Amino acid sequence: MAGLIDLTPKDVEKLQQEGVVVIDIRTEPEWKQTGIIKGSKLITFFDIYGRYNVEKFMKEFSKYVPTKDTKFILVCRTGSRTKVVGDFLSNQLGYKNAMHLKGGIYAWLREHKPVVSY
């Protein structure tokens, strides 16, 4: 198995230009607080209480990641949640091209990358 790949903000920009989907798994209040990376698909994994519904998430996720070979990038606040979710998708469900923004949206903002309001 390939495992989860760590990306820098620059890597994310390059891959997004190549058409790789970016999936922001944060909560709505977090999207409002920081804004989102333009073009991101917004699919909350953990709610504000830390609860999750894998079936509901996967139903939305599969709209943007139709096969286990499709490349995708996960984004959260600091990279912790995307590490957990990405490892699960890669190691448990067999997705071969799972990537995440190491350091999350905060890393993106530290490098003064653009966001759009939610």
PDB file of N, CA and C in Angstrom:
ATOM      1  N   MET A   1       0.832  -1.190   0.000  1.00  0.00           N
ATOM      2  CA  MET A   1       0.000   0.000   0.000  1.00  0.00           C
ATOM      3  C   MET A   1       0.873   1.248   0.000  1.00  0.00           C
ATOM      4  N   ALA A   2       0.390   2.256  -0.664  1.00  0.00           N
ATOM      5  CA  ALA A   2       1.169   3.484  -0.817  1.00  0.00           C
ATOM      6  C   ALA A   2       1.213   4.305   0.460  1.00  0.00           C
ATOM      7  N   GLY A   3       0.132   4.337   1.221  1.00  0.00           N
ATOM      8  CA  GLY A   3       0.083   5.169   2.412  1.00  0.00           C
ATOM      9  C   GLY A   3      -0.211   6.616   2.065  1.00  0.00           C
ATOM     10  N   LEU A   4      -0.428   7.400   3.093  1.00  0.00           N
ATOM     11  CA  LEU A   4      -0.766   8.807   2.938  1.00  0.00           C
ATOM     12  C   LEU A   4       0.477   9.629   2.611  1.00  0.00           C
ATOM     13  N   ILE A   5       0.364  10.525   1.643  1.00  0.00           N
ATOM     14  CA  ILE A   5       1.488  11.366   1.209  1.00  0.00           C
ATOM     15  C   ILE A   5       1.307  12.774   1.772  1.00  0.00           C
ATOM     16  N   ASP A   6       2.357  13.298   2.428  1.00  0.00           N
ATOM     17  CA  ASP A   6       2.352  14.665   2.947  1.00  0.00           C
ATOM     18  C   ASP A   6       2.663  15.644   1.821  1.00  0.00           C
ATOM     19  N   LEU A   7       1.918  16.750   1.772  1.00  0.00           N
ATOM     20  CA  LEU A   7       2.138  17.782   0.762  1.00  0.00           C
ATOM     21  C   LEU A   7       2.374  19.141   1.406  1.00  0.00           C
ATOM     22  N   THR A   8       3.137  19.983   0.730  1.00  0.00           N
ATOM     23  CA  THR A   8       3.296  21.377   1.124  1.00  0.00           C
ATOM     24  C   THR A   8       2.218  22.194   0.416  1.00  0.00           C
ATOM     25  N   PRO A   9       1.993  23.425   0.847  1.00  0.00           N
ATOM     26  CA  PRO A   9       1.044  24.274   0.116  1.00  0.00           C
ATOM     27  C   PRO A   9       1.413  24.413  -1.367  1.00  0.00           C
ATOM     28  N   LYS A  10       2.684  24.516  -1.674  1.00  0.00           N
ATOM     29  CA  LYS A  10       3.120  24.633  -3.073  1.00  0.00           C
ATOM     30  C   LYS A  10       2.745  23.365  -3.863  1.00  0.00           C
ATOM     31  N   ASP A  11       2.928  22.192  -3.244  1.00  0.00           N
ATOM     32  CA  ASP A  11       2.538  20.925  -3.880  1.00  0.00           C
ATOM     33  C   ASP A  11       1.036  20.924  -4.189  1.00  0.00           C
ATOM     34  N   VAL A  12       0.245  21.392  -3.206  1.00  0.00           N
ATOM     35  CA  VAL A  12      -1.212  21.403  -3.374  1.00  0.00           C
ATOM     36  C   VAL A  12      -1.598  22.298  -4.549  1.00  0.00           C
ATOM     37  N   GLU A  13      -1.008  23.470  -4.629  1.00  0.00           N
ATOM     38  CA  GLU A  13      -1.311  24.376  -5.748  1.00  0.00           C
ATOM     39  C   GLU A  13      -1.016  23.718  -7.088  1.00  0.00           C
ATOM     40  N   LYS A  14       0.143  23.086  -7.183  1.00  0.00           N
ATOM     41  CA  LYS A  14       0.548  22.431  -8.436  1.00  0.00           C
ATOM     42  C   LYS A  14      -0.439  21.315  -8.811  1.00  0.00           C
ATOM     43  N   LEU A  15      -0.743  20.452  -7.857  1.00  0.00           N
ATOM     44  CA  LEU A  15      -1.650  19.335  -8.119  1.00  0.00           C
ATOM     45  C   LEU A  15      -3.064  19.811  -8.429  1.00  0.00           C
ATOM     46  N   GLN A  16      -3.490  20.866  -7.760  1.00  0.00           N
ATOM     47  CA  GLN A  16      -4.825  21.401  -8.029  1.00  0.00           C
ATOM     48  C   GLN A  16      -4.895  21.933  -9.464  1.00  0.00           C
ATOM     49  N   GLN A  17      -3.821  22.543  -9.932  1.00  0.00           N
ATOM     50  CA  GLN A  17      -3.772  23.025 -11.324  1.00  0.00           C
ATOM     51  C   GLN A  17      -3.840  21.861 -12.311  1.00  0.00           C
ATOM     52  N   GLU A  18      -3.376  20.691 -11.869  1.00  0.00           N
ATOM     53  CA  GLU A  18      -3.434  19.494 -12.709  1.00  0.00           C
ATOM     54  C   GLU A  18      -4.793  18.797 -12.625  1.00  0.00           C
ATOM     55  N   GLY A  19      -5.700  19.348 -11.823  1.00  0.00           N
ATOM     56  CA  GLY A  19      -7.042  18.793 -11.732  1.00  0.00           C
ATOM     57  C   GLY A  19      -7.289  17.851 -10.573  1.00  0.00           C
ATOM     58  N   VAL A  20      -6.328  17.737  -9.656  1.00  0.00           N
ATOM     59  CA  VAL A  20      -6.524  16.869  -8.492  1.00  0.00           C
ATOM     60  C   VAL A  20      -7.500  17.554  -7.537  1.00  0.00           C
ATOM     61  N   VAL A  21      -8.492  16.812  -7.088  1.00  0.00           N
ATOM     62  CA  VAL A  21      -9.526  17.366  -6.222  1.00  0.00           C
ATOM     63  C   VAL A  21      -8.980  17.583  -4.803  1.00  0.00           C
ATOM     64  N   VAL A  22      -9.385  18.728  -4.213  1.00  0.00           N
ATOM     65  CA  VAL A  22      -9.056  19.054  -2.833  1.00  0.00           C
ATOM     66  C   VAL A  22     -10.331  18.912  -2.020  1.00  0.00           C
ATOM     67  N   ILE A  23     -10.272  18.126  -0.954  1.00  0.00           N
ATOM     68  CA  ILE A  23     -11.437  17.888  -0.105  1.00  0.00           C
ATOM     69  C   ILE A  23     -11.139  18.416   1.295  1.00  0.00           C
ATOM     70  N   ASP A  24     -11.900  19.421   1.707  1.00  0.00           N
ATOM     71  CA  ASP A  24     -11.747  20.036   3.021  1.00  0.00           C
ATOM     72  C   ASP A  24     -12.700  19.336   3.982  1.00  0.00           C
ATOM     73  N   ILE A  25     -12.139  18.650   4.984  1.00  0.00           N
ATOM     74  CA  ILE A  25     -12.955  17.823   5.884  1.00  0.00           C
ATOM     75  C   ILE A  25     -13.315  18.536   7.187  1.00  0.00           C
ATOM     76  N   ARG A  26     -13.025  19.836   7.265  1.00  0.00           N
ATOM     77  CA  ARG A  26     -13.320  20.579   8.488  1.00  0.00           C
ATOM     78  C   ARG A  26     -14.823  20.816   8.653  1.00  0.00           C
ATOM     79  N   THR A  27     -15.174  21.508   9.730  1.00  0.00           N
ATOM     80  CA  THR A  27     -16.577  21.831  10.003  1.00  0.00           C
ATOM     81  C   THR A  27     -16.929  23.198   9.418  1.00  0.00           C
ATOM     82  N   GLU A  28     -18.215  23.435   9.272  1.00  0.00           N
ATOM     83  CA  GLU A  28     -18.680  24.711   8.723  1.00  0.00           C
ATOM     84  C   GLU A  28     -18.136  25.918   9.500  1.00  0.00           C
ATOM     85  N   PRO A  29     -18.161  25.918  10.841  1.00  0.00           N
ATOM     86  CA  PRO A  29     -17.586  27.066  11.560  1.00  0.00           C
ATOM     87  C   PRO A  29     -16.109  27.297  11.211  1.00  0.00           C
ATOM     88  N   GLU A  30     -15.367  26.230  10.976  1.00  0.00           N
ATOM     89  CA  GLU A  30     -13.953  26.372  10.608  1.00  0.00           C
ATOM     90  C   GLU A  30     -13.807  26.976   9.208  1.00  0.00           C
ATOM     91  N   TRP A  31     -14.670  26.571   8.291  1.00  0.00           N
ATOM     92  CA  TRP A  31     -14.634  27.147   6.940  1.00  0.00           C
ATOM     93  C   TRP A  31     -14.894  28.649   7.010  1.00  0.00           C
ATOM     94  N   LYS A  32     -15.861  29.028   7.846  1.00  0.00           N
ATOM     95  CA  LYS A  32     -16.201  30.447   7.992  1.00  0.00           C
ATOM     96  C   LYS A  32     -15.051  31.218   8.638  1.00  0.00           C
ATOM     97  N   GLN A  33     -14.372  30.591   9.593  1.00  0.00           N
ATOM     98  CA  GLN A  33     -13.308  31.265  10.334  1.00  0.00           C
ATOM     99  C   GLN A  33     -12.110  31.618   9.452  1.00  0.00           C
ATOM    100  N   THR A  34     -11.662  30.684   8.618  1.00  0.00           N
ATOM    101  CA  THR A  34     -10.419  30.884   7.862  1.00  0.00           C
ATOM    102  C   THR A  34     -10.624  31.070   6.365  1.00  0.00           C
ATOM    103  N   GLY A  35     -11.801  30.751   5.871  1.00  0.00           N
ATOM    104  CA  GLY A  35     -11.992  30.668   4.434  1.00  0.00           C
ATOM    105  C   GLY A  35     -11.531  29.295   3.966  1.00  0.00           C
ATOM    106  N   ILE A  36     -11.655  29.058   2.675  1.00  0.00           N
ATOM    107  CA  ILE A  36     -11.312  27.754   2.112  1.00  0.00           C
ATOM    108  C   ILE A  36     -10.423  27.940   0.884  1.00  0.00           C
ATOM    109  N   ILE A  37      -9.723  26.892   0.527  1.00  0.00           N
ATOM    110  CA  ILE A  37      -8.935  26.892  -0.697  1.00  0.00           C
ATOM    111  C   ILE A  37      -9.925  26.863  -1.864  1.00  0.00           C
ATOM    112  N   LYS A  38      -9.759  27.788  -2.791  1.00  0.00           N
ATOM    113  CA  LYS A  38     -10.682  27.884  -3.931  1.00  0.00           C
ATOM    114  C   LYS A  38     -10.798  26.539  -4.650  1.00  0.00           C
ATOM    115  N   GLY A  39     -12.031  26.141  -4.910  1.00  0.00           N
ATOM    116  CA  GLY A  39     -12.288  24.892  -5.622  1.00  0.00           C
ATOM    117  C   GLY A  39     -12.406  23.671  -4.723  1.00  0.00           C
ATOM    118  N   SER A  40     -12.162  23.845  -3.426  1.00  0.00           N
ATOM    119  CA  SER A  40     -12.253  22.710  -2.503  1.00  0.00           C
ATOM    120  C   SER A  40     -13.672  22.165  -2.429  1.00  0.00           C
ATOM    121  N   LYS A  41     -13.761  20.864  -2.271  1.00  0.00           N
ATOM    122  CA  LYS A  41     -15.042  20.215  -2.014  1.00  0.00           C
ATOM    123  C   LYS A  41     -15.165  20.108  -0.494  1.00  0.00           C
ATOM    124  N   LEU A  42     -16.285  20.524   0.045  1.00  0.00           N
ATOM    125  CA  LEU A  42     -16.466  20.598   1.490  1.00  0.00           C
ATOM    126  C   LEU A  42     -17.269  19.412   1.996  1.00  0.00           C
ATOM    127  N   ILE A  43     -16.565  18.498   2.669  1.00  0.00           N
ATOM    128  CA  ILE A  43     -17.223  17.306   3.213  1.00  0.00           C
ATOM    129  C   ILE A  43     -16.706  17.100   4.631  1.00  0.00           C
ATOM    130  N   THR A  44     -17.490  17.483   5.617  1.00  0.00           N
ATOM    131  CA  THR A  44     -17.077  17.333   7.014  1.00  0.00           C
ATOM    132  C   THR A  44     -16.933  15.859   7.358  1.00  0.00           C
ATOM    133  N   PHE A  45     -15.830  15.516   8.027  1.00  0.00           N
ATOM    134  CA  PHE A  45     -15.676  14.143   8.521  1.00  0.00           C
ATOM    135  C   PHE A  45     -16.069  14.087   9.988  1.00  0.00           C
ATOM    136  N   PHE A  46     -15.327  14.772  10.851  1.00  0.00           N
ATOM    137  CA  PHE A  46     -15.653  14.824  12.281  1.00  0.00           C
ATOM    138  C   PHE A  46     -16.493  16.062  12.550  1.00  0.00           C
ATOM    139  N   ASP A  47     -17.622  15.908  13.279  1.00  0.00           N
ATOM    140  CA  ASP A  47     -18.412  17.087  13.624  1.00  0.00           C
ATOM    141  C   ASP A  47     -17.737  17.821  14.786  1.00  0.00           C
ATOM    142  N   ILE A  48     -18.365  18.879  15.273  1.00  0.00           N
ATOM    143  CA  ILE A  48     -17.739  19.683  16.323  1.00  0.00           C
ATOM    144  C   ILE A  48     -17.562  18.918  17.635  1.00  0.00           C
ATOM    145  N   TYR A  49     -18.228  17.785  17.759  1.00  0.00           N
ATOM    146  CA  TYR A  49     -18.094  16.948  18.953  1.00  0.00           C
ATOM    147  C   TYR A  49     -17.157  15.767  18.735  1.00  0.00           C
ATOM    148  N   GLY A  50     -16.551  15.695  17.552  1.00  0.00           N
ATOM    149  CA  GLY A  50     -15.643  14.593  17.254  1.00  0.00           C
ATOM    150  C   GLY A  50     -16.331  13.336  16.748  1.00  0.00           C
ATOM    151  N   ARG A  51     -17.634  13.427  16.530  1.00  0.00           N
ATOM    152  CA  ARG A  51     -18.373  12.275  16.013  1.00  0.00           C
ATOM    153  C   ARG A  51     -18.221  12.213  14.501  1.00  0.00           C
ATOM    154  N   TYR A  52     -18.416  11.036  13.952  1.00  0.00           N
ATOM    155  CA  TYR A  52     -18.324  10.889  12.505  1.00  0.00           C
ATOM    156  C   TYR A  52     -19.270   9.802  12.030  1.00  0.00           C
ATOM    157  N   ASN A  53     -19.571   9.883  10.722  1.00  0.00           N
ATOM    158  CA  ASN A  53     -20.434   8.913  10.074  1.00  0.00           C
ATOM    159  C   ASN A  53     -19.725   8.519   8.776  1.00  0.00           C
ATOM    160  N   VAL A  54     -19.009   7.411   8.816  1.00  0.00           N
ATOM    161  CA  VAL A  54     -18.200   6.987   7.672  1.00  0.00           C
ATOM    162  C   VAL A  54     -19.069   6.789   6.433  1.00  0.00           C
ATOM    163  N   GLU A  55     -20.213   6.172   6.597  1.00  0.00           N
ATOM    164  CA  GLU A  55     -21.085   5.902   5.452  1.00  0.00           C
ATOM    165  C   GLU A  55     -21.516   7.206   4.763  1.00  0.00           C
ATOM    166  N   LYS A  56     -21.917   8.189   5.555  1.00  0.00           N
ATOM    167  CA  LYS A  56     -22.338   9.485   5.004  1.00  0.00           C
ATOM    168  C   LYS A  56     -21.159  10.173   4.314  1.00  0.00           C
ATOM    169  N   PHE A  57     -19.995  10.166   4.959  1.00  0.00           N
ATOM    170  CA  PHE A  57     -18.812  10.778   4.374  1.00  0.00           C
ATOM    171  C   PHE A  57     -18.456  10.115   3.049  1.00  0.00           C
ATOM    172  N   MET A  58     -18.420   8.790   3.033  1.00  0.00           N
ATOM    173  CA  MET A  58     -18.020   8.047   1.838  1.00  0.00           C
ATOM    174  C   MET A  58     -18.983   8.264   0.676  1.00  0.00           C
ATOM    175  N   LYS A  59     -20.257   8.453   0.981  1.00  0.00           N
ATOM    176  CA  LYS A  59     -21.247   8.718  -0.076  1.00  0.00           C
ATOM    177  C   LYS A  59     -20.894  10.014  -0.802  1.00  0.00           C
ATOM    178  N   GLU A  60     -20.556  11.061  -0.057  1.00  0.00           N
ATOM    179  CA  GLU A  60     -20.154  12.333  -0.658  1.00  0.00           C
ATOM    180  C   GLU A  60     -18.773  12.223  -1.294  1.00  0.00           C
ATOM    181  N   PHE A  61     -17.837  11.623  -0.575  1.00  0.00           N
ATOM    182  CA  PHE A  61     -16.454  11.470  -1.027  1.00  0.00           C
ATOM    183  C   PHE A  61     -16.386  10.779  -2.388  1.00  0.00           C
ATOM    184  N   SER A  62     -17.188   9.733  -2.568  1.00  0.00           N
ATOM    185  CA  SER A  62     -17.139   8.952  -3.810  1.00  0.00           C
ATOM    186  C   SER A  62     -17.642   9.740  -5.023  1.00  0.00           C
ATOM    187  N   LYS A  63     -18.338  10.853  -4.802  1.00  0.00           N
ATOM    188  CA  LYS A  63     -18.753  11.718  -5.916  1.00  0.00           C
ATOM    189  C   LYS A  63     -17.534  12.388  -6.548  1.00  0.00           C
ATOM    190  N   TYR A  64     -16.514  12.650  -5.736  1.00  0.00           N
ATOM    191  CA  TYR A  64     -15.316  13.360  -6.195  1.00  0.00           C
ATOM    192  C   TYR A  64     -14.119  12.444  -6.395  1.00  0.00           C
ATOM    193  N   VAL A  65     -14.159  11.296  -5.735  1.00  0.00           N
ATOM    194  CA  VAL A  65     -13.082  10.303  -5.840  1.00  0.00           C
ATOM    195  C   VAL A  65     -13.734   8.984  -6.243  1.00  0.00           C
ATOM    196  N   PRO A  66     -14.013   8.830  -7.546  1.00  0.00           N
ATOM    197  CA  PRO A  66     -14.811   7.691  -8.006  1.00  0.00           C
ATOM    198  C   PRO A  66     -14.119   6.332  -7.969  1.00  0.00           C
ATOM    199  N   THR A  67     -12.772   6.328  -7.982  1.00  0.00           N
ATOM    200  CA  THR A  67     -12.069   5.036  -7.951  1.00  0.00           C
ATOM    201  C   THR A  67     -10.964   5.078  -6.897  1.00  0.00           C
ATOM    202  N   LYS A  68     -10.471   3.922  -6.546  1.00  0.00           N
ATOM    203  CA  LYS A  68      -9.392   3.836  -5.551  1.00  0.00           C
ATOM    204  C   LYS A  68      -8.052   4.290  -6.125  1.00  0.00           C
ATOM    205  N   ASP A  69      -8.005   4.531  -7.440  1.00  0.00           N
ATOM    206  CA  ASP A  69      -6.791   5.049  -8.078  1.00  0.00           C
ATOM    207  C   ASP A  69      -6.825   6.568  -8.261  1.00  0.00           C
ATOM    208  N   THR A  70      -7.982   7.192  -8.055  1.00  0.00           N
ATOM    209  CA  THR A  70      -8.120   8.637  -8.239  1.00  0.00           C
ATOM    210  C   THR A  70      -7.294   9.378  -7.187  1.00  0.00           C
ATOM    211  N   LYS A  71      -6.544  10.377  -7.639  1.00  0.00           N
ATOM    212  CA  LYS A  71      -5.756  11.199  -6.719  1.00  0.00           C
ATOM    213  C   LYS A  71      -6.679  12.183  -6.004  1.00  0.00           C
ATOM    214  N   PHE A  72      -6.383  12.432  -4.713  1.00  0.00           N
ATOM    215  CA  PHE A  72      -7.129  13.434  -3.957  1.00  0.00           C
ATOM    216  C   PHE A  72      -6.265  13.975  -2.835  1.00  0.00           C
ATOM    217  N   ILE A  73      -6.612  15.196  -2.415  1.00  0.00           N
ATOM    218  CA  ILE A  73      -5.892  15.877  -1.346  1.00  0.00           C
ATOM    219  C   ILE A  73      -6.886  16.229  -0.250  1.00  0.00           C
ATOM    220  N   LEU A  74      -6.574  15.854   0.978  1.00  0.00           N
ATOM    221  CA  LEU A  74      -7.407  16.197   2.124  1.00  0.00           C
ATOM    222  C   LEU A  74      -6.833  17.416   2.838  1.00  0.00           C
ATOM    223  N   VAL A  75      -7.734  18.263   3.351  1.00  0.00           N
ATOM    224  CA  VAL A  75      -7.334  19.450   4.099  1.00  0.00           C
ATOM    225  C   VAL A  75      -8.160  19.528   5.374  1.00  0.00           C
ATOM    226  N   CYS A  76      -7.497  19.864   6.489  1.00  0.00           N
ATOM    227  CA  CYS A  76      -8.192  20.180   7.740  1.00  0.00           C
ATOM    228  C   CYS A  76      -7.510  21.404   8.342  1.00  0.00           C
ATOM    229  N   ARG A  77      -7.643  21.627   9.625  1.00  0.00           N
ATOM    230  CA  ARG A  77      -7.071  22.821  10.242  1.00  0.00           C
ATOM    231  C   ARG A  77      -5.550  22.731  10.392  1.00  0.00           C
ATOM    232  N   THR A  78      -5.070  21.614  10.981  1.00  0.00           N
ATOM    233  CA  THR A  78      -3.631  21.493  11.264  1.00  0.00           C
ATOM    234  C   THR A  78      -2.966  20.272  10.640  1.00  0.00           C
ATOM    235  N   GLY A  79      -3.746  19.405  10.011  1.00  0.00           N
ATOM    236  CA  GLY A  79      -3.203  18.190   9.422  1.00  0.00           C
ATOM    237  C   GLY A  79      -3.422  16.951  10.263  1.00  0.00           C
ATOM    238  N   SER A  80      -3.924  17.117  11.487  1.00  0.00           N
ATOM    239  CA  SER A  80      -4.142  15.963  12.370  1.00  0.00           C
ATOM    240  C   SER A  80      -5.302  15.095  11.901  1.00  0.00           C
ATOM    241  N   ARG A  81      -6.441  15.722  11.619  1.00  0.00           N
ATOM    242  CA  ARG A  81      -7.609  14.948  11.179  1.00  0.00           C
ATOM    243  C   ARG A  81      -7.375  14.321   9.816  1.00  0.00           C
ATOM    244  N   THR A  82      -6.711  15.058   8.904  1.00  0.00           N
ATOM    245  CA  THR A  82      -6.474  14.491   7.585  1.00  0.00           C
ATOM    246  C   THR A  82      -5.496  13.327   7.660  1.00  0.00           C
ATOM    247  N   LYS A  83      -4.596  13.351   8.617  1.00  0.00           N
ATOM    248  CA  LYS A  83      -3.677  12.214   8.818  1.00  0.00           C
ATOM    249  C   LYS A  83      -4.487  10.974   9.197  1.00  0.00           C
ATOM    250  N   VAL A  84      -5.402  11.122  10.138  1.00  0.00           N
ATOM    251  CA  VAL A  84      -6.245  10.005  10.581  1.00  0.00           C
ATOM    252  C   VAL A  84      -7.135   9.500   9.441  1.00  0.00           C
ATOM    253  N   VAL A  85      -7.841  10.427   8.792  1.00  0.00           N
ATOM    254  CA  VAL A  85      -8.773  10.049   7.725  1.00  0.00           C
ATOM    255  C   VAL A  85      -8.010   9.503   6.515  1.00  0.00           C
ATOM    256  N   GLY A  86      -6.907  10.147   6.152  1.00  0.00           N
ATOM    257  CA  GLY A  86      -6.106   9.686   5.019  1.00  0.00           C
ATOM    258  C   GLY A  86      -5.513   8.309   5.241  1.00  0.00           C
ATOM    259  N   ASP A  87      -5.011   8.074   6.454  1.00  0.00           N
ATOM    260  CA  ASP A  87      -4.495   6.740   6.778  1.00  0.00           C
ATOM    261  C   ASP A  87      -5.603   5.694   6.695  1.00  0.00           C
ATOM    262  N   PHE A  88      -6.794   6.041   7.184  1.00  0.00           N
ATOM    263  CA  PHE A  88      -7.939   5.133   7.116  1.00  0.00           C
ATOM    264  C   PHE A  88      -8.291   4.817   5.655  1.00  0.00           C
ATOM    265  N   LEU A  89      -8.393   5.855   4.828  1.00  0.00           N
ATOM    266  CA  LEU A  89      -8.749   5.654   3.421  1.00  0.00           C
ATOM    267  C   LEU A  89      -7.685   4.832   2.698  1.00  0.00           C
ATOM    268  N   SER A  90      -6.435   5.103   2.995  1.00  0.00           N
ATOM    269  CA  SER A  90      -5.329   4.415   2.335  1.00  0.00           C
ATOM    270  C   SER A  90      -5.140   2.999   2.861  1.00  0.00           C
ATOM    271  N   ASN A  91      -4.976   2.874   4.163  1.00  0.00           N
ATOM    272  CA  ASN A  91      -4.621   1.582   4.755  1.00  0.00           C
ATOM    273  C   ASN A  91      -5.792   0.634   4.969  1.00  0.00           C
ATOM    274  N   GLN A  92      -6.967   1.179   5.277  1.00  0.00           N
ATOM    275  CA  GLN A  92      -8.125   0.319   5.530  1.00  0.00           C
ATOM    276  C   GLN A  92      -8.991   0.097   4.289  1.00  0.00           C
ATOM    277  N   LEU A  93      -9.147   1.143   3.478  1.00  0.00           N
ATOM    278  CA  LEU A  93     -10.042   1.035   2.327  1.00  0.00           C
ATOM    279  C   LEU A  93      -9.324   0.878   0.994  1.00  0.00           C
ATOM    280  N   GLY A  94      -7.996   1.003   0.986  1.00  0.00           N
ATOM    281  CA  GLY A  94      -7.228   0.710  -0.217  1.00  0.00           C
ATOM    282  C   GLY A  94      -7.099   1.816  -1.251  1.00  0.00           C
ATOM    283  N   TYR A  95      -7.337   3.065  -0.872  1.00  0.00           N
ATOM    284  CA  TYR A  95      -7.124   4.168  -1.818  1.00  0.00           C
ATOM    285  C   TYR A  95      -5.625   4.341  -2.029  1.00  0.00           C
ATOM    286  N   LYS A  96      -5.210   4.380  -3.286  1.00  0.00           N
ATOM    287  CA  LYS A  96      -3.783   4.338  -3.619  1.00  0.00           C
ATOM    288  C   LYS A  96      -3.123   5.711  -3.743  1.00  0.00           C
ATOM    289  N   ASN A  97      -3.901   6.763  -3.883  1.00  0.00           N
ATOM    290  CA  ASN A  97      -3.331   8.095  -4.113  1.00  0.00           C
ATOM    291  C   ASN A  97      -3.846   9.126  -3.113  1.00  0.00           C
ATOM    292  N   ALA A  98      -3.835   8.741  -1.835  1.00  0.00           N
ATOM    293  CA  ALA A  98      -4.297   9.625  -0.765  1.00  0.00           C
ATOM    294  C   ALA A  98      -3.183  10.595  -0.376  1.00  0.00           C
ATOM    295  N   MET A  99      -3.509  11.885  -0.379  1.00  0.00           N
ATOM    296  CA  MET A  99      -2.546  12.925  -0.018  1.00  0.00           C
ATOM    297  C   MET A  99      -3.220  13.892   0.950  1.00  0.00           C
ATOM    298  N   HIS A 100      -2.403  14.601   1.742  1.00  0.00           N
ATOM    299  CA  HIS A 100      -2.983  15.631   2.594  1.00  0.00           C
ATOM    300  C   HIS A 100      -2.029  16.798   2.734  1.00  0.00           C
ATOM    301  N   LEU A 101      -2.612  17.962   3.024  1.00  0.00           N
ATOM    302  CA  LEU A 101      -1.848  19.174   3.236  1.00  0.00           C
ATOM    303  C   LEU A 101      -1.266  19.108   4.637  1.00  0.00           C
ATOM    304  N   LYS A 102       0.034  18.819   4.722  1.00  0.00           N
ATOM    305  CA  LYS A 102       0.700  18.736   6.019  1.00  0.00           C
ATOM    306  C   LYS A 102       0.649  20.112   6.676  1.00  0.00           C
ATOM    307  N   GLY A 103       0.157  20.165   7.904  1.00  0.00           N
ATOM    308  CA  GLY A 103       0.006  21.438   8.593  1.00  0.00           C
ATOM    309  C   GLY A 103      -1.342  22.098   8.357  1.00  0.00           C
ATOM    310  N   GLY A 104      -2.148  21.506   7.471  1.00  0.00           N
ATOM    311  CA  GLY A 104      -3.511  21.973   7.241  1.00  0.00           C
ATOM    312  C   GLY A 104      -3.632  23.381   6.684  1.00  0.00           C
ATOM    313  N   ILE A 105      -4.827  23.936   6.843  1.00  0.00           N
ATOM    314  CA  ILE A 105      -5.108  25.275   6.316  1.00  0.00           C
ATOM    315  C   ILE A 105      -4.198  26.303   6.983  1.00  0.00           C
ATOM    316  N   TYR A 106      -3.773  26.033   8.213  1.00  0.00           N
ATOM    317  CA  TYR A 106      -2.858  26.972   8.888  1.00  0.00           C
ATOM    318  C   TYR A 106      -1.528  27.068   8.146  1.00  0.00           C
ATOM    319  N   ALA A 107      -1.015  25.949   7.628  1.00  0.00           N
ATOM    320  CA  ALA A 107       0.218  25.974   6.832  1.00  0.00           C
ATOM    321  C   ALA A 107      -0.018  26.784   5.560  1.00  0.00           C
ATOM    322  N   TRP A 108      -1.183  26.598   4.963  1.00  0.00           N
ATOM    323  CA  TRP A 108      -1.566  27.322   3.746  1.00  0.00           C
ATOM    324  C   TRP A 108      -1.561  28.830   4.011  1.00  0.00           C
ATOM    325  N   LEU A 109      -2.179  29.227   5.105  1.00  0.00           N
ATOM    326  CA  LEU A 109      -2.281  30.650   5.448  1.00  0.00           C
ATOM    327  C   LEU A 109      -0.923  31.241   5.836  1.00  0.00           C
ATOM    328  N   ARG A 110      -0.089  30.453   6.505  1.00  0.00           N
ATOM    329  CA  ARG A 110       1.255  30.926   6.878  1.00  0.00           C
ATOM    330  C   ARG A 110       2.080  31.290   5.654  1.00  0.00           C
ATOM    331  N   GLU A 111       1.807  30.609   4.540  1.00  0.00           N
ATOM    332  CA  GLU A 111       2.533  30.900   3.302  1.00  0.00           C
ATOM    333  C   GLU A 111       1.794  31.922   2.435  1.00  0.00           C
ATOM    334  N   HIS A 112       0.775  32.557   3.034  1.00  0.00           N
ATOM    335  CA  HIS A 112       0.022  33.630   2.369  1.00  0.00           C
ATOM    336  C   HIS A 112      -0.629  33.179   1.067  1.00  0.00           C
ATOM    337  N   LYS A 113      -1.064  31.909   1.059  1.00  0.00           N
ATOM    338  CA  LYS A 113      -1.792  31.390  -0.100  1.00  0.00           C
ATOM    339  C   LYS A 113      -3.226  31.887  -0.039  1.00  0.00           C
ATOM    340  N   PRO A 114      -3.865  32.061  -1.186  1.00  0.00           N
ATOM    341  CA  PRO A 114      -5.219  32.647  -1.205  1.00  0.00           C
ATOM    342  C   PRO A 114      -6.309  31.691  -0.707  1.00  0.00           C
ATOM    343  N   VAL A 115      -7.304  32.275  -0.083  1.00  0.00           N
ATOM    344  CA  VAL A 115      -8.523  31.549   0.304  1.00  0.00           C
ATOM    345  C   VAL A 115      -9.721  32.366  -0.159  1.00  0.00           C
ATOM    346  N   VAL A 116     -10.840  31.695  -0.245  1.00  0.00           N
ATOM    347  CA  VAL A 116     -12.092  32.370  -0.553  1.00  0.00           C
ATOM    348  C   VAL A 116     -13.010  32.223   0.647  1.00  0.00           C
ATOM    349  N   SER A 117     -13.898  33.191   0.823  1.00  0.00           N
ATOM    350  CA  SER A 117     -14.839  33.142   1.951  1.00  0.00           C
ATOM    351  C   SER A 117     -15.835  32.033   1.757  1.00  0.00           C
ATOM    352  N   TYR A 118     -16.251  31.449   2.866  1.00  0.00           N
ATOM    353  CA  TYR A 118     -17.283  30.420   2.830  1.00  0.00           C
ATOM    354  C   TYR A 118     -18.613  31.100   3.057  1.00  0.00           C
TER     355      TYR A 118
END
